[in-house]
Amino acid sequence: MSLASFDSARGTMTWLGVGNVEGVLQHADWSERSARATLVTRGGIVGGDLPAVQAAVVPVAPGDTLVFATDGVRHEFTAEISISEPPQRLADQILARFGKGTDDALVLVARYLGHR
């Protein structure tokens, strides 16, 4: 399980994860910072062997794209995130190209729009 929460007043996202969900934040403008941030998850089972979790806070800006993918999606999807694609199309493309086919798979894509 992974969770992300955007704080538009501070321009940050707080996220944490346990188990087999990979998270990537692809920055829209990476001229002054790293192109992407990755979620560090802890092994464990929600409802069973739950480890201590630590939330991480990262800066976000309008246009940044968050992608969560379950373990039914091959890790290589992280190199193929195109922020020019609409979120639904990007999720569909990731599932089509990187879904393992031997496990259930879920991809969630969210684009941060900033304070409205």
Protein backbone atom coordinates (compact mmCIF):
# COMPACT_ATOMS: atom_id res chain seq x y z
CA MET A 1 0.00 0.00 0.00
CA SER A 2 1.28 3.45 -0.87
CA LEU A 3 -0.17 6.83 -0.02
CA ALA A 4 0.52 10.34 -1.27
CA SER A 5 -0.87 13.65 -0.06
CA PHE A 6 -0.35 16.99 -1.82
CA ASP A 7 -0.10 20.25 0.13
CA SER A 8 -0.63 23.05 -2.39
CA ALA A 9 -0.02 25.78 0.21
CA ARG A 10 3.50 24.49 0.82
CA GLY A 11 4.15 23.06 -2.64
CA THR A 12 4.98 19.63 -1.24
CA MET A 13 3.88 16.04 -1.45
CA THR A 14 4.13 13.64 1.47
CA TRP A 15 4.28 9.95 0.63
CA LEU A 16 4.97 6.57 2.19
CA GLY A 17 4.67 2.95 1.21
CA VAL A 18 4.63 -0.60 2.52
CA GLY A 19 4.84 -3.67 0.32
CA ASN A 20 5.00 -4.02 -3.43
CA VAL A 21 3.82 -0.70 -4.86
CA GLU A 22 6.39 1.38 -6.69
CA GLY A 23 6.07 5.17 -6.70
CA VAL A 24 7.71 7.70 -9.00
CA LEU A 25 7.31 11.48 -9.08
CA GLN A 26 8.39 12.81 -12.47
CA HIS A 27 9.10 16.54 -12.33
CA ALA A 28 7.81 18.71 -15.17
CA ASP A 29 10.70 21.18 -14.89
CA TRP A 30 13.91 19.47 -13.90
CA SER A 31 16.36 22.17 -14.88
CA GLU A 32 17.08 23.03 -11.24
CA ARG A 33 16.45 19.68 -9.54
CA SER A 34 16.55 15.96 -10.11
CA ALA A 35 14.25 14.76 -12.90
CA ARG A 36 12.42 12.38 -10.60
CA ALA A 37 11.96 11.21 -7.06
CA THR A 38 11.25 7.59 -6.13
CA LEU A 39 9.25 6.32 -3.19
CA VAL A 40 11.25 4.22 -0.75
CA THR A 41 8.93 1.46 0.44
CA ARG A 42 9.33 -0.89 3.37
CA GLY A 43 8.73 -4.62 3.11
CA GLY A 44 5.81 -5.92 5.07
CA ILE A 45 2.15 -6.85 4.95
CA VAL A 46 -0.58 -4.36 5.79
CA GLY A 47 -2.74 -5.99 8.46
CA GLY A 48 0.00 -8.47 9.34
CA ASP A 49 3.71 -7.85 9.58
CA LEU A 50 3.66 -4.06 9.37
CA PRO A 51 7.07 -2.39 9.80
CA ALA A 52 7.62 1.12 11.11
CA VAL A 53 7.04 3.49 8.21
CA GLN A 54 8.61 6.87 7.55
CA ALA A 55 6.88 9.46 5.40
CA ALA A 56 9.03 11.48 3.01
CA VAL A 57 8.24 15.05 1.96
CA VAL A 58 9.28 16.19 -1.51
CA PRO A 59 8.76 19.49 -3.35
CA VAL A 60 6.20 19.58 -6.17
CA ALA A 61 5.36 22.08 -8.87
CA PRO A 62 2.50 22.33 -11.35
CA GLY A 63 2.82 19.69 -14.05
CA ASP A 64 4.67 17.15 -11.89
CA THR A 65 3.34 13.63 -12.45
CA LEU A 66 2.94 10.94 -9.79
CA VAL A 67 2.82 7.28 -10.85
CA PHE A 68 2.07 4.34 -8.54
CA ALA A 69 2.32 0.81 -9.97
CA THR A 70 1.79 -2.56 -8.30
CA ASP A 71 4.17 -5.48 -8.61
CA GLY A 72 2.23 -6.76 -11.64
CA VAL A 73 4.02 -4.01 -13.60
CA ARG A 74 7.68 -4.39 -14.57
CA HIS A 75 10.06 -1.88 -12.96
CA GLU A 76 11.27 -0.64 -16.36
CA PHE A 77 8.16 1.55 -16.64
CA THR A 78 10.01 4.20 -14.60
CA ALA A 79 12.22 5.07 -17.59
CA GLU A 80 9.21 5.57 -19.87
CA ILE A 81 7.14 8.19 -18.04
CA SER A 82 6.11 10.89 -20.50
CA ILE A 83 4.73 13.98 -18.78
CA SER A 84 3.37 15.19 -22.12
CA GLU A 85 0.73 12.42 -22.09
CA PRO A 86 -2.60 12.90 -20.30
CA PRO A 87 -2.71 10.86 -17.07
CA GLN A 88 -5.24 8.26 -18.28
CA ARG A 89 -3.37 7.64 -21.52
CA LEU A 90 -0.07 7.33 -19.62
CA ALA A 91 -1.60 4.78 -17.22
CA ASP A 92 -2.99 2.78 -20.16
CA GLN A 93 0.38 2.84 -21.96
CA ILE A 94 2.29 1.70 -18.87
CA LEU A 95 -0.12 -1.21 -18.33
CA ALA A 96 0.00 -2.24 -22.00
CA ARG A 97 3.80 -2.08 -22.30
CA PHE A 98 4.94 -3.18 -18.86
CA GLY A 99 2.18 -5.33 -17.37
CA LYS A 100 3.62 -8.76 -16.56
CA GLY A 101 0.51 -10.70 -17.55
CA THR A 102 1.18 -13.22 -14.76
CA ASP A 103 -0.09 -11.08 -11.88
CA ASP A 104 -2.81 -8.52 -11.27
CA ALA A 105 -1.63 -5.03 -12.15
CA LEU A 106 -2.72 -1.51 -11.29
CA VAL A 107 -1.30 1.84 -12.36
CA LEU A 108 -2.42 5.16 -10.90
CA VAL A 109 -1.28 8.40 -12.53
CA ALA A 110 -1.95 11.84 -11.02
CA ARG A 111 -0.82 15.20 -12.35
CA TYR A 112 -0.25 17.97 -9.80
CA LEU A 113 -1.97 21.16 -10.99
CA GLY A 114 -0.96 23.42 -8.12
CA HIS A 115 -3.11 25.74 -6.06
CA ARG A 116 -6.47 26.52 -7.67
